[in-house]
Amino acid sequence: MSLQQTLRVYELLDDPAATGDKVVELFRPFRHLGVVAASTTVVEQKRADFITILIPGKAGRSTGGVAPTLGLIGRNGSIGGRPTLAGMVSDADGATTVIAAALRLADMKQRGDRLAGDVRIATHICTEGEVEPHDPVDFIAMPCASATMNRHEVSAEMEAILSVDTSKGNRILNRRGFAITPTARQGYIVRTSPDLLRIMETVTGRDAVVMPITLQDITDYDNGLYHVNSIMQPHVATAAPVVGVPICAQVSVAGSATGASHEVDIAEAARFCIEVAKAYGNGRCRFFDPVEFDYMVRTYGPLTALQSAPGPLRRG
């Protein structure tokens, strides 16, 4: 279970004085196991602490092994809206999820349960975001450009990525819990992974739920097009397959809303990430069919132009 880790991370982040260094401190007891946690501060519009965590696998790339590496990215605008808003906002769920998953993986490794492949975790925290208008409900603004987030959160070592983000502010996914998206890779949106659907059903004990995404969602966040949110933004910065893990609600809830996080939903999403990490490192989870993908690229041509960063759309 990952509820204990979720509560621990939530309490740490729900604090005006939360910093990347305090998150890194959570992982200090696991350094002798090769766990590496680091924090980098970037200031553009607001201070953002970027956090990276490596959980080495017994046959992982970081130690010369051949098992593939999974990336877990916690996308968000900001985890708080201080000084205007007191407390943690809904948008913090993605960061909370991946840090909790990392903490659980570190606990497992200490007890002797070692995964085959490396798991690389990345997210950022900013406690002073501003409310940003968005249809149908308000979001919480990013402290820096989306491209800056990708530079710090997406690494070349990630061979497949789960991007976790609060996704309650829409009218296309109306169910409590978490969902997954179809896989996006190099401009293509391909079939939803049957392996991920199976793992989701196992973890939740319910029917799998898939959030629809559009071509707009996998393009650069700053191009002026409508995006359901920033959940698919790692796609523009990598050749690896990316699957979104939206944490959702039955009604439209603002990303800037406080008191809107559900610890059980976050813990369930963290368990999903952990189970995917187990299966992916062992070669038992594919994000896409490589034969079909290569055929599409040969037949219809590359779509990597959708990963570029053009000038913003101008209306009127």
Protein backbone atom coordinates (compact mmCIF):
# COMPACT_ATOMS: atom_id res chain seq x y z
CA MET A 1 0.00 0.00 0.00
CA SER A 2 1.09 3.60 -0.54
CA LEU A 3 -1.40 5.50 1.62
CA GLN A 4 1.11 6.05 4.43
CA GLN A 5 3.63 7.56 2.01
CA THR A 6 0.91 9.69 0.41
CA LEU A 7 -0.12 11.17 3.74
CA ARG A 8 3.50 11.82 4.68
CA VAL A 9 4.23 13.63 1.41
CA TYR A 10 0.96 15.57 1.55
CA GLU A 11 1.73 16.88 5.03
CA LEU A 12 5.21 17.92 3.93
CA LEU A 13 3.98 19.79 0.84
CA ASP A 14 0.96 21.43 2.50
CA ASP A 15 3.16 24.07 4.05
CA PRO A 16 4.04 27.63 2.99
CA ALA A 17 7.67 26.75 3.74
CA ALA A 18 7.75 23.60 1.57
CA THR A 19 10.94 23.37 -0.50
CA GLY A 20 12.71 20.93 -2.75
CA ASP A 21 15.38 20.41 -0.13
CA LYS A 22 12.77 19.21 2.35
CA VAL A 23 11.58 16.64 -0.18
CA VAL A 24 15.15 15.54 -0.80
CA GLU A 25 15.58 15.07 2.95
CA LEU A 26 12.85 12.38 2.85
CA PHE A 27 15.18 10.20 0.80
CA ARG A 28 18.37 10.71 2.83
CA PRO A 29 17.85 7.42 4.78
CA PHE A 30 17.97 5.49 1.47
CA ARG A 31 21.26 6.81 0.14
CA HIS A 32 23.09 3.61 1.06
CA LEU A 33 20.77 1.81 -1.39
CA GLY A 34 21.89 4.01 -4.28
CA VAL A 35 18.77 6.20 -4.15
CA VAL A 36 19.67 9.67 -5.40
CA ALA A 37 17.46 12.71 -4.77
CA ALA A 38 18.34 16.27 -5.76
CA SER A 39 16.70 19.68 -5.96
CA THR A 40 17.36 22.60 -8.30
CA THR A 41 15.81 26.05 -7.91
CA VAL A 42 14.78 28.03 -10.99
CA VAL A 43 13.32 31.53 -10.91
CA GLU A 44 11.43 32.93 -13.90
CA GLN A 45 8.05 34.29 -12.90
CA LYS A 46 8.13 32.61 -9.46
CA ARG A 47 10.53 30.39 -7.53
CA ALA A 48 10.24 26.74 -8.59
CA ASP A 49 12.12 23.89 -6.93
CA PHE A 50 12.66 21.03 -9.37
CA ILE A 51 13.10 17.64 -7.76
CA THR A 52 14.67 14.56 -9.33
CA ILE A 53 14.84 11.12 -7.73
CA LEU A 54 16.51 7.96 -9.00
CA ILE A 55 15.52 4.54 -7.67
CA PRO A 56 18.11 2.14 -9.15
CA GLY A 57 16.92 -1.29 -10.26
CA LYS A 58 18.86 -4.50 -9.81
CA ALA A 59 19.38 -4.68 -13.59
CA GLY A 60 18.95 -0.98 -14.32
CA ARG A 61 20.83 1.16 -16.82
CA SER A 62 22.42 3.24 -14.04
CA THR A 63 24.43 0.20 -12.91
CA GLY A 64 25.22 -1.19 -16.37
CA GLY A 65 22.14 -3.40 -16.67
CA VAL A 66 19.77 -3.84 -19.58
CA ALA A 67 16.35 -3.41 -17.95
CA PRO A 68 14.45 -0.39 -19.34
CA THR A 69 13.94 2.82 -17.36
CA LEU A 70 10.53 4.22 -16.49
CA GLY A 71 10.01 7.93 -15.93
CA LEU A 72 7.39 9.29 -13.52
CA ILE A 73 6.70 13.00 -13.96
CA GLY A 74 4.44 14.97 -11.64
CA ARG A 75 3.09 17.82 -13.74
CA ASN A 76 1.49 20.83 -12.08
CA GLY A 77 1.32 24.57 -12.24
CA SER A 78 1.93 25.25 -8.57
CA ILE A 79 1.10 23.38 -5.39
CA GLY A 80 -0.14 26.52 -3.66
CA GLY A 81 -1.58 29.94 -4.39
CA ARG A 82 -0.20 31.87 -1.46
CA PRO A 83 -0.58 34.52 -0.22
CA THR A 84 -4.05 34.75 -1.81
CA LEU A 85 -5.01 31.13 -1.10
CA ALA A 86 -4.28 29.32 2.16
CA GLY A 87 -3.39 25.65 1.90
CA MET A 88 -2.46 23.30 -0.92
CA VAL A 89 -4.40 23.50 -4.19
CA SER A 90 -5.90 20.70 -6.24
CA ASP A 91 -3.14 21.04 -8.83
CA ALA A 92 -0.64 19.57 -6.34
CA ASP A 93 -1.95 16.01 -6.81
CA GLY A 94 0.52 15.08 -9.57
CA ALA A 95 3.57 16.10 -7.57
CA THR A 96 2.24 14.38 -4.46
CA THR A 97 1.59 11.17 -6.41
CA VAL A 98 5.05 10.73 -7.91
CA ILE A 99 6.92 11.68 -4.72
CA ALA A 100 4.76 9.22 -2.75
CA ALA A 101 5.44 6.52 -5.35
CA ALA A 102 9.18 7.22 -5.11
CA LEU A 103 9.07 7.01 -1.31
CA ARG A 104 7.22 3.70 -1.46
CA LEU A 105 9.70 2.31 -3.99
CA ALA A 106 12.57 3.35 -1.72
CA ASP A 107 10.85 1.65 1.24
CA MET A 108 10.39 -1.51 -0.84
CA LYS A 109 14.03 -1.53 -1.86
CA GLN A 110 15.14 -1.17 1.75
CA ARG A 111 13.03 -4.20 2.66
CA GLY A 112 14.56 -6.28 -0.14
CA ASP A 113 11.97 -5.88 -2.92
CA ARG A 114 14.12 -4.54 -5.76
CA LEU A 115 12.66 -3.75 -9.16
CA ALA A 116 14.46 -4.85 -12.31
CA GLY A 117 14.71 -1.46 -13.99
CA ASP A 118 15.57 2.05 -12.84
CA VAL A 119 12.76 4.46 -12.04
CA ARG A 120 13.42 8.17 -12.54
CA ILE A 121 11.02 10.58 -10.86
CA ALA A 122 10.77 14.31 -11.53
CA THR A 123 8.46 17.13 -10.52
CA HIS A 124 8.54 20.67 -9.18
CA ILE A 125 6.96 22.59 -6.35
CA CYS A 126 6.00 26.24 -6.13
CA THR A 127 3.91 27.48 -3.20
CA GLU A 128 3.01 30.90 -4.64
CA GLY A 129 1.10 30.36 -7.90
CA GLU A 130 -1.53 32.75 -9.18
CA VAL A 131 -5.06 31.92 -10.30
CA GLU A 132 -5.26 31.71 -14.10
CA PRO A 133 -8.53 31.83 -16.09
CA HIS A 134 -9.29 28.65 -18.05
CA ASP A 135 -12.40 27.07 -19.52
CA PRO A 136 -14.41 25.57 -17.80
CA VAL A 137 -12.76 26.38 -14.43
CA ASP A 138 -9.71 28.32 -13.29
CA PHE A 139 -6.22 26.79 -13.17
CA ILE A 140 -3.21 27.74 -11.07
CA ALA A 141 -0.45 29.41 -13.05
CA MET A 142 2.96 27.89 -13.76
CA PRO A 143 5.99 29.53 -12.12
CA CYS A 144 7.98 29.23 -15.35
CA ALA A 145 7.57 28.31 -19.00
CA SER A 146 6.43 24.81 -19.87
CA ALA A 147 9.63 24.35 -21.89
CA THR A 148 11.65 25.09 -18.74
CA MET A 149 9.70 22.40 -16.89
CA ASN A 150 10.46 19.91 -19.63
CA ARG A 151 14.18 20.72 -19.52
CA HIS A 152 14.27 19.89 -15.82
CA GLU A 153 11.75 17.05 -15.69
CA VAL A 154 12.21 15.06 -18.91
CA SER A 155 15.49 13.17 -19.13
CA ALA A 156 16.99 11.22 -22.01
CA GLU A 157 17.26 8.18 -19.73
CA MET A 158 13.47 7.85 -19.51
CA GLU A 159 12.45 5.17 -22.04
CA ALA A 160 8.74 5.46 -21.28
CA ILE A 161 6.95 8.13 -19.25
CA LEU A 162 3.88 8.30 -17.05
CA SER A 163 2.89 11.96 -16.66
CA VAL A 164 0.66 12.43 -13.61
CA ASP A 165 -1.42 15.59 -13.33
CA THR A 166 -4.58 16.78 -11.64
CA SER A 167 -7.21 16.79 -14.40
CA LYS A 168 -10.41 17.75 -12.63
CA GLY A 169 -11.06 20.99 -14.53
CA ASN A 170 -12.81 19.60 -17.61
CA ARG A 171 -16.12 18.21 -18.87
CA ILE A 172 -14.75 15.21 -20.78
CA LEU A 173 -13.78 13.00 -17.83
CA ASN A 174 -16.31 12.95 -15.02
CA ARG A 175 -15.38 10.24 -12.55
CA ARG A 176 -13.55 10.20 -9.23
CA GLY A 177 -10.17 8.49 -9.14
CA PHE A 178 -7.56 8.34 -11.85
CA ALA A 179 -7.51 7.44 -15.53
CA ILE A 180 -4.98 6.97 -18.31
CA THR A 181 -4.68 8.47 -21.78
CA PRO A 182 -3.81 6.88 -25.09
CA THR A 183 -0.07 6.76 -25.75
CA ALA A 184 1.56 9.73 -27.51
CA ARG A 185 4.86 9.29 -29.30
CA GLN A 186 6.65 11.57 -31.76
CA GLY A 187 3.45 13.32 -32.85
CA TYR A 188 1.29 10.21 -33.09
CA ILE A 189 -1.55 9.36 -30.72
CA VAL A 190 -1.75 5.58 -30.79
CA ARG A 191 -3.84 2.82 -29.26
CA THR A 192 -4.33 2.90 -25.49
CA SER A 193 -1.91 0.32 -24.08
CA PRO A 194 -3.68 -2.97 -23.24
CA ASP A 195 -1.00 -3.66 -20.62
CA LEU A 196 -1.69 -0.36 -18.86
CA LEU A 197 -5.43 -0.98 -19.00
CA ARG A 198 -4.88 -4.38 -17.38
CA ILE A 199 -2.68 -2.94 -14.63
CA MET A 200 -5.19 -0.17 -13.97
CA GLU A 201 -8.03 -2.67 -13.60
CA THR A 202 -5.93 -4.79 -11.25
CA VAL A 203 -5.00 -1.83 -9.05
CA THR A 204 -8.49 -0.30 -8.85
CA GLY A 205 -10.68 -3.40 -9.05
CA ARG A 206 -12.88 -1.40 -11.44
CA ASP A 207 -13.33 -0.93 -15.17
CA ALA A 208 -10.49 0.99 -16.76
CA VAL A 209 -11.11 4.66 -17.55
CA VAL A 210 -9.46 6.46 -20.48
CA MET A 211 -9.32 10.25 -20.87
CA PRO A 212 -9.52 11.35 -24.51
CA ILE A 213 -6.79 13.63 -25.79
CA THR A 214 -6.45 15.58 -29.02
CA LEU A 215 -3.57 16.65 -31.23
CA GLN A 216 -3.78 20.06 -29.56
CA ASP A 217 -3.01 18.46 -26.18
CA ILE A 218 0.29 16.97 -27.40
CA THR A 219 1.56 20.23 -28.92
CA ASP A 220 3.61 22.89 -27.14
CA TYR A 221 1.69 24.40 -24.23
CA ASP A 222 2.63 27.97 -25.11
CA ASN A 223 1.42 27.93 -28.74
CA GLY A 224 -1.95 29.51 -27.90
CA LEU A 225 -4.05 26.45 -28.74
CA TYR A 226 -6.54 25.05 -26.26
CA HIS A 227 -5.09 22.25 -24.11
CA VAL A 228 -7.15 20.22 -21.65
CA ASN A 229 -4.18 20.86 -19.32
CA SER A 230 -0.41 20.34 -19.39
CA ILE A 231 -0.49 16.60 -18.72
CA MET A 232 0.90 15.62 -22.14
CA GLN A 233 3.64 18.25 -22.27
CA PRO A 234 6.53 15.81 -21.71
CA HIS A 235 5.66 14.49 -25.19
CA VAL A 236 7.10 17.58 -26.89
CA ALA A 237 10.51 17.01 -25.29
CA THR A 238 11.16 13.30 -25.86
CA ALA A 239 11.14 10.48 -28.38
CA ALA A 240 9.86 8.14 -25.64
CA PRO A 241 6.20 7.12 -25.42
CA VAL A 242 4.19 9.24 -22.98
CA VAL A 243 0.97 8.27 -21.21
CA GLY A 244 -0.96 10.69 -19.05
CA VAL A 245 -2.31 9.65 -15.66
CA PRO A 246 -5.03 12.21 -14.90
CA ILE A 247 -6.41 12.41 -11.37
CA CYS A 248 -10.02 13.30 -11.90
CA ALA A 249 -13.34 14.16 -10.29
CA GLN A 250 -17.02 13.65 -11.02
CA VAL A 251 -17.57 17.40 -11.46
CA SER A 252 -15.38 20.20 -12.80
CA VAL A 253 -13.06 21.33 -10.00
CA ALA A 254 -10.69 24.27 -10.38
CA GLY A 255 -6.98 23.52 -10.27
CA SER A 256 -6.75 26.50 -7.92
CA ALA A 257 -9.29 25.04 -5.50
CA THR A 258 -8.11 24.22 -1.97
CA GLY A 259 -9.46 21.31 0.05
CA ALA A 260 -10.09 19.37 -3.19
CA SER A 261 -7.43 16.66 -2.95
CA HIS A 262 -8.44 13.11 -2.06
CA GLU A 263 -5.70 11.13 -0.38
CA VAL A 264 -7.17 7.76 -1.40
CA ASP A 265 -7.25 8.76 -5.08
CA ILE A 266 -3.65 9.99 -4.92
CA ALA A 267 -2.51 6.80 -3.19
CA GLU A 268 -4.30 4.68 -5.79
CA ALA A 269 -2.56 6.55 -8.62
CA ALA A 270 0.77 6.08 -6.84
CA ARG A 271 0.10 2.32 -6.59
CA PHE A 272 -0.62 2.26 -10.31
CA CYS A 273 2.71 3.97 -11.04
CA ILE A 274 4.50 1.43 -8.84
CA GLU A 275 2.84 -1.55 -10.53
CA VAL A 276 3.70 -0.16 -13.96
CA ALA A 277 7.31 0.27 -12.82
CA LYS A 278 7.46 -3.37 -11.74
CA ALA A 279 6.02 -4.66 -15.02
CA TYR A 280 7.89 -2.27 -17.35
CA GLY A 281 11.30 -3.11 -15.92
CA ASN A 282 10.56 -6.82 -16.33
CA GLY A 283 9.50 -6.41 -19.96
CA ARG A 284 5.86 -7.18 -19.19
CA CYS A 285 4.35 -3.80 -20.04
CA ARG A 286 4.44 -2.13 -23.45
CA PHE A 287 3.30 1.44 -23.96
CA PHE A 288 2.88 0.94 -27.73
CA ASP A 289 3.28 -1.64 -30.48
CA PRO A 290 6.65 -0.91 -32.16
CA VAL A 291 5.77 -2.84 -35.33
CA GLU A 292 2.56 -0.86 -35.85
CA PHE A 293 4.30 2.41 -35.00
CA ASP A 294 7.15 1.83 -37.49
CA TYR A 295 4.60 0.92 -40.17
CA MET A 296 2.67 4.15 -39.59
CA VAL A 297 5.80 6.28 -39.81
CA ARG A 298 6.92 4.52 -43.02
CA THR A 299 3.45 4.77 -44.56
CA TYR A 300 2.24 8.18 -43.43
CA GLY A 301 5.45 9.96 -42.62
CA PRO A 302 6.86 11.48 -39.42
CA LEU A 303 4.72 13.79 -37.31
CA THR A 304 7.53 15.21 -35.21
CA ALA A 305 6.56 18.72 -36.35
CA LEU A 306 3.87 18.46 -33.67
CA GLN A 307 6.67 18.43 -31.08
CA SER A 308 8.06 21.79 -32.22
CA ALA A 309 7.54 25.13 -30.49
CA PRO A 310 6.13 27.61 -33.05
CA GLY A 311 5.06 31.16 -32.33
CA PRO A 312 1.79 31.57 -30.42
CA LEU A 313 -1.58 31.64 -32.17
CA ARG A 314 -2.88 35.17 -32.63
CA ARG A 315 -6.64 35.64 -32.59
CA GLY A 316 -8.50 38.50 -34.20
